């Protein structure tokens, strides 16, 4: 196996983990929230935060590292328009993801506290959830577009 094949495999796997974990954890936290069951919400929020640290964070780090390595191996100009769009969309994704992580931690803590006391979730939890949900959309759309750019490399003459 060539170095290029290894790096490309790592890049594709980290992209898959980034998208798949993000979509999966978002789905489970959304479904837990819809259930209205505080214990379910607290459990889902705890696991979502853990999954972000175990899976999403390493993928977030690997993506630009393996991407830069591939650019160097293939000999693309780092200023190719499709790459510039990729960088911008990756930054947009990160600008959405960082507050999402913060919100998930706060929602986890609020739900855990309420699950122990038997109280209802405070309005602050629901406010955090709405912001969390709203930030997910531009991030997911950006990741889909990044994936397209990674595959199609429009304007580069490569396939």
C-alpha atoms as a PDB file:
ATOM      1  CA  UNK A   1       0.000   0.000   0.000  1.00  0.00           C
ATOM      2  CA  UNK A   2       1.345   3.425  -0.902  1.00  0.00           C
ATOM      3  CA  UNK A   3       1.691   6.349   1.476  1.00  0.00           C
ATOM      4  CA  UNK A   4      -0.920   8.185  -0.606  1.00  0.00           C
ATOM      5  CA  UNK A   5      -3.424   5.329  -0.178  1.00  0.00           C
ATOM      6  CA  UNK A   6      -2.842   5.228   3.579  1.00  0.00           C
ATOM      7  CA  UNK A   7      -3.256   8.990   4.010  1.00  0.00           C
ATOM      8  CA  UNK A   8      -6.317   9.075   1.747  1.00  0.00           C
ATOM      9  CA  UNK A   9      -7.870   6.191   3.688  1.00  0.00           C
ATOM     10  CA  UNK A  10      -7.293   8.049   6.975  1.00  0.00           C
ATOM     11  CA  UNK A  11      -8.776  11.192   5.435  1.00  0.00           C
ATOM     12  CA  UNK A  12     -11.886   9.383   4.207  1.00  0.00           C
ATOM     13  CA  UNK A  13     -12.324   7.484   7.479  1.00  0.00           C
ATOM     14  CA  UNK A  14     -12.042  10.662   9.551  1.00  0.00           C
ATOM     15  CA  UNK A  15     -14.536  12.413   7.246  1.00  0.00           C
ATOM     16  CA  UNK A  16     -16.902   9.466   7.669  1.00  0.00           C
ATOM     17  CA  UNK A  17     -16.518   9.512  11.447  1.00  0.00           C
ATOM     18  CA  UNK A  18     -16.994  13.284  11.535  1.00  0.00           C
ATOM     19  CA  UNK A  19     -20.219  13.178   9.553  1.00  0.00           C
ATOM     20  CA  UNK A  20     -21.547   9.896  10.914  1.00  0.00           C
ATOM     21  CA  UNK A  21     -20.928  10.617  14.567  1.00  0.00           C
ATOM     22  CA  UNK A  22     -22.297  14.128  14.200  1.00  0.00           C
ATOM     23  CA  UNK A  23     -25.450  12.928  12.479  1.00  0.00           C
ATOM     24  CA  UNK A  24     -25.901   9.964  14.827  1.00  0.00           C
ATOM     25  CA  UNK A  25     -25.447  11.883  18.054  1.00  0.00           C
ATOM     26  CA  UNK A  26     -27.650  14.715  16.822  1.00  0.00           C
ATOM     27  CA  UNK A  27     -30.380  12.212  15.961  1.00  0.00           C
ATOM     28  CA  UNK A  28     -30.264  10.515  19.373  1.00  0.00           C
ATOM     29  CA  UNK A  29     -30.217  13.740  21.370  1.00  0.00           C
ATOM     30  CA  UNK A  30     -33.072  15.132  19.252  1.00  0.00           C
ATOM     31  CA  UNK A  31     -35.101  11.948  19.760  1.00  0.00           C
ATOM     32  CA  UNK A  32     -34.360  11.933  23.486  1.00  0.00           C
ATOM     33  CA  UNK A  33     -35.467  15.545  23.735  1.00  0.00           C
ATOM     34  CA  UNK A  34     -38.673  14.769  21.841  1.00  0.00           C
ATOM     35  CA  UNK A  35     -39.445  11.987  24.323  1.00  0.00           C
ATOM     36  CA  UNK A  36     -39.693  14.531  27.133  1.00  0.00           C
ATOM     37  CA  UNK A  37     -38.292  11.950  29.538  1.00  0.00           C
ATOM     38  CA  UNK A  38     -35.649  13.709  31.640  1.00  0.00           C
ATOM     39  CA  UNK A  39     -33.703  10.524  32.439  1.00  0.00           C
ATOM     40  CA  UNK A  40     -33.560   9.634  28.726  1.00  0.00           C
ATOM     41  CA  UNK A  41     -32.452  13.165  27.877  1.00  0.00           C
ATOM     42  CA  UNK A  42     -29.775  13.135  30.594  1.00  0.00           C
ATOM     43  CA  UNK A  43     -28.453   9.766  29.412  1.00  0.00           C
ATOM     44  CA  UNK A  44     -28.437  10.761  25.742  1.00  0.00           C
ATOM     45  CA  UNK A  45     -26.760  14.108  26.484  1.00  0.00           C
ATOM     46  CA  UNK A  46     -24.064  12.387  28.558  1.00  0.00           C
ATOM     47  CA  UNK A  47     -23.347   9.904  25.762  1.00  0.00           C
ATOM     48  CA  UNK A  48     -23.390  12.600  23.064  1.00  0.00           C
ATOM     49  CA  UNK A  49     -20.773  14.626  24.936  1.00  0.00           C
ATOM     50  CA  UNK A  50     -18.661  11.491  25.382  1.00  0.00           C
ATOM     51  CA  UNK A  51     -18.984  10.550  21.693  1.00  0.00           C
ATOM     52  CA  UNK A  52     -17.882  14.040  20.663  1.00  0.00           C
ATOM     53  CA  UNK A  53     -14.705  13.722  22.730  1.00  0.00           C
ATOM     54  CA  UNK A  54     -13.953  10.137  21.699  1.00  0.00           C
ATOM     55  CA  UNK A  55     -14.829  10.260  18.002  1.00  0.00           C
ATOM     56  CA  UNK A  56     -15.608  13.732  16.648  1.00  0.00           C
ATOM     57  CA  UNK A  57     -12.663  15.563  18.202  1.00  0.00           C
ATOM     58  CA  UNK A  58      -9.982  13.220  16.792  1.00  0.00           C
ATOM     59  CA  UNK A  59     -11.695  13.357  13.382  1.00  0.00           C
ATOM     60  CA  UNK A  60     -11.760  17.166  13.523  1.00  0.00           C
ATOM     61  CA  UNK A  61      -7.990  17.118  14.123  1.00  0.00           C
ATOM     62  CA  UNK A  62      -7.231  14.444  11.494  1.00  0.00           C
ATOM     63  CA  UNK A  63      -9.197  16.086   8.697  1.00  0.00           C
ATOM     64  CA  UNK A  64      -6.991  19.144   8.134  1.00  0.00           C
ATOM     65  CA  UNK A  65      -3.794  17.193   8.854  1.00  0.00           C
ATOM     66  CA  UNK A  66      -4.530  14.438   6.347  1.00  0.00           C
ATOM     67  CA  UNK A  67      -5.983  16.972   3.923  1.00  0.00           C
ATOM     68  CA  UNK A  68      -2.795  19.058   3.976  1.00  0.00           C
ATOM     69  CA  UNK A  69      -0.750  15.885   3.612  1.00  0.00           C
ATOM     70  CA  UNK A  70      -2.787  14.828   0.564  1.00  0.00           C
ATOM     71  CA  UNK A  71      -2.409  18.284  -0.987  1.00  0.00           C
ATOM     72  CA  UNK A  72       1.365  17.978  -0.604  1.00  0.00           C
ATOM     73  CA  UNK A  73       1.480  14.369  -1.859  1.00  0.00           C
ATOM     74  CA  UNK A  74      -0.616  15.081  -4.942  1.00  0.00           C
ATOM     75  CA  UNK A  75       0.960  18.456  -5.620  1.00  0.00           C
ATOM     76  CA  UNK A  76      -2.195  20.567  -5.637  1.00  0.00           C
ATOM     77  CA  UNK A  77      -1.800  24.254  -5.077  1.00  0.00           C
ATOM     78  CA  UNK A  78      -3.221  25.011  -1.621  1.00  0.00           C
ATOM     79  CA  UNK A  79      -4.886  28.025  -3.270  1.00  0.00           C
ATOM     80  CA  UNK A  80      -7.032  26.002  -5.699  1.00  0.00           C
ATOM     81  CA  UNK A  81     -10.568  27.460  -5.619  1.00  0.00           C
ATOM     82  CA  UNK A  82     -12.173  24.166  -4.518  1.00  0.00           C
ATOM     83  CA  UNK A  83      -9.690  23.971  -1.649  1.00  0.00           C
ATOM     84  CA  UNK A  84     -10.340  27.584  -0.634  1.00  0.00           C
ATOM     85  CA  UNK A  85     -14.054  26.761  -0.466  1.00  0.00           C
ATOM     86  CA  UNK A  86     -13.239  23.659   1.552  1.00  0.00           C
ATOM     87  CA  UNK A  87     -11.186  25.670   4.065  1.00  0.00           C
ATOM     88  CA  UNK A  88     -13.949  28.278   4.429  1.00  0.00           C
ATOM     89  CA  UNK A  89     -16.642  25.638   4.912  1.00  0.00           C
ATOM     90  CA  UNK A  90     -14.474  23.742   7.402  1.00  0.00           C
ATOM     91  CA  UNK A  91     -14.021  26.937   9.406  1.00  0.00           C
ATOM     92  CA  UNK A  92     -17.789  27.547   9.251  1.00  0.00           C
ATOM     93  CA  UNK A  93     -18.352  24.005  10.511  1.00  0.00           C
ATOM     94  CA  UNK A  94     -15.937  24.589  13.376  1.00  0.00           C
ATOM     95  CA  UNK A  95     -17.582  27.892  14.260  1.00  0.00           C
ATOM     96  CA  UNK A  96     -20.860  25.988  14.592  1.00  0.00           C
ATOM     97  CA  UNK A  97     -19.377  22.923  16.294  1.00  0.00           C
ATOM     98  CA  UNK A  98     -17.522  24.693  19.103  1.00  0.00           C
ATOM     99  CA  UNK A  99     -20.644  26.335  20.540  1.00  0.00           C
ATOM    100  CA  UNK A 100     -22.550  23.076  19.972  1.00  0.00           C
ATOM    101  CA  UNK A 101     -20.060  21.245  22.182  1.00  0.00           C
ATOM    102  CA  UNK A 102     -20.398  23.923  24.867  1.00  0.00           C
ATOM    103  CA  UNK A 103     -24.211  23.729  24.618  1.00  0.00           C
ATOM    104  CA  UNK A 104     -24.179  19.921  24.821  1.00  0.00           C
ATOM    105  CA  UNK A 105     -22.135  20.058  28.006  1.00  0.00           C
ATOM    106  CA  UNK A 106     -24.527  22.592  29.544  1.00  0.00           C
ATOM    107  CA  UNK A 107     -27.599  20.603  28.447  1.00  0.00           C
ATOM    108  CA  UNK A 108     -26.026  17.424  29.851  1.00  0.00           C
ATOM    109  CA  UNK A 109     -25.395  19.112  33.201  1.00  0.00           C
ATOM    110  CA  UNK A 110     -28.882  20.641  33.401  1.00  0.00           C
ATOM    111  CA  UNK A 111     -30.577  17.366  32.468  1.00  0.00           C
ATOM    112  CA  UNK A 112     -28.443  15.355  34.915  1.00  0.00           C
ATOM    113  CA  UNK A 113     -29.321  17.704  37.766  1.00  0.00           C
ATOM    114  CA  UNK A 114     -33.030  17.586  36.931  1.00  0.00           C
ATOM    115  CA  UNK A 115     -33.016  13.788  36.510  1.00  0.00           C
ATOM    116  CA  UNK A 116     -31.753  13.415  40.087  1.00  0.00           C
ATOM    117  CA  UNK A 117     -34.191  15.897  41.630  1.00  0.00           C
ATOM    118  CA  UNK A 118     -37.225  14.880  39.576  1.00  0.00           C
ATOM    119  CA  UNK A 119     -37.911  18.477  38.558  1.00  0.00           C
ATOM    120  CA  UNK A 120     -38.752  19.619  35.041  1.00  0.00           C
ATOM    121  CA  UNK A 121     -36.164  20.872  32.602  1.00  0.00           C
ATOM    122  CA  UNK A 122     -35.677  24.626  32.950  1.00  0.00           C
ATOM    123  CA  UNK A 123     -36.379  27.073  30.136  1.00  0.00           C
ATOM    124  CA  UNK A 124     -32.614  27.517  29.779  1.00  0.00           C
ATOM    125  CA  UNK A 125     -32.261  23.886  28.677  1.00  0.00           C
ATOM    126  CA  UNK A 126     -34.878  24.396  25.951  1.00  0.00           C
ATOM    127  CA  UNK A 127     -33.194  27.623  24.840  1.00  0.00           C
ATOM    128  CA  UNK A 128     -29.848  25.810  24.598  1.00  0.00           C
ATOM    129  CA  UNK A 129     -31.498  22.990  22.671  1.00  0.00           C
ATOM    130  CA  UNK A 130     -33.002  25.371  20.105  1.00  0.00           C
ATOM    131  CA  UNK A 131     -29.632  27.057  19.543  1.00  0.00           C
ATOM    132  CA  UNK A 132     -27.905  23.647  19.376  1.00  0.00           C
ATOM    133  CA  UNK A 133     -30.425  22.440  16.793  1.00  0.00           C
ATOM    134  CA  UNK A 134     -30.091  25.632  14.730  1.00  0.00           C
ATOM    135  CA  UNK A 135     -26.292  25.463  14.660  1.00  0.00           C
ATOM    136  CA  UNK A 136     -26.350  21.864  13.459  1.00  0.00           C
ATOM    137  CA  UNK A 137     -27.915  22.668  10.109  1.00  0.00           C
ATOM    138  CA  UNK A 138     -25.245  24.930   8.620  1.00  0.00           C
ATOM    139  CA  UNK A 139     -22.536  22.593   9.926  1.00  0.00           C
ATOM    140  CA  UNK A 140     -24.082  19.504   8.324  1.00  0.00           C
ATOM    141  CA  UNK A 141     -24.764  21.262   5.036  1.00  0.00           C
ATOM    142  CA  UNK A 142     -21.176  22.533   5.013  1.00  0.00           C
ATOM    143  CA  UNK A 143     -19.826  19.014   5.608  1.00  0.00           C
ATOM    144  CA  UNK A 144     -21.932  17.684   2.721  1.00  0.00           C
ATOM    145  CA  UNK A 145     -20.575  20.394   0.413  1.00  0.00           C
ATOM    146  CA  UNK A 146     -17.017  19.722   1.633  1.00  0.00           C
ATOM    147  CA  UNK A 147     -17.500  16.037   0.814  1.00  0.00           C
ATOM    148  CA  UNK A 148     -18.678  16.952  -2.679  1.00  0.00           C
ATOM    149  CA  UNK A 149     -15.674  19.239  -3.175  1.00  0.00           C
ATOM    150  CA  UNK A 150     -13.326  16.522  -1.907  1.00  0.00           C
ATOM    151  CA  UNK A 151     -14.756  14.026  -4.393  1.00  0.00           C
ATOM    152  CA  UNK A 152     -15.351  16.258  -7.430  1.00  0.00           C
ATOM    153  CA  UNK A 153     -12.440  18.714  -7.060  1.00  0.00           C
ATOM    154  CA  UNK A 154     -14.200  21.104  -9.465  1.00  0.00           C
ATOM    155  CA  UNK A 155     -11.864  23.054 -11.719  1.00  0.00           C
ATOM    156  CA  UNK A 156      -8.788  21.023 -10.812  1.00  0.00           C
ATOM    157  CA  UNK A 157      -8.883  18.726 -13.829  1.00  0.00           C
ATOM    158  CA  UNK A 158      -8.553  15.721 -11.497  1.00  0.00           C
ATOM    159  CA  UNK A 159     -10.953  12.938 -10.772  1.00  0.00           C
END
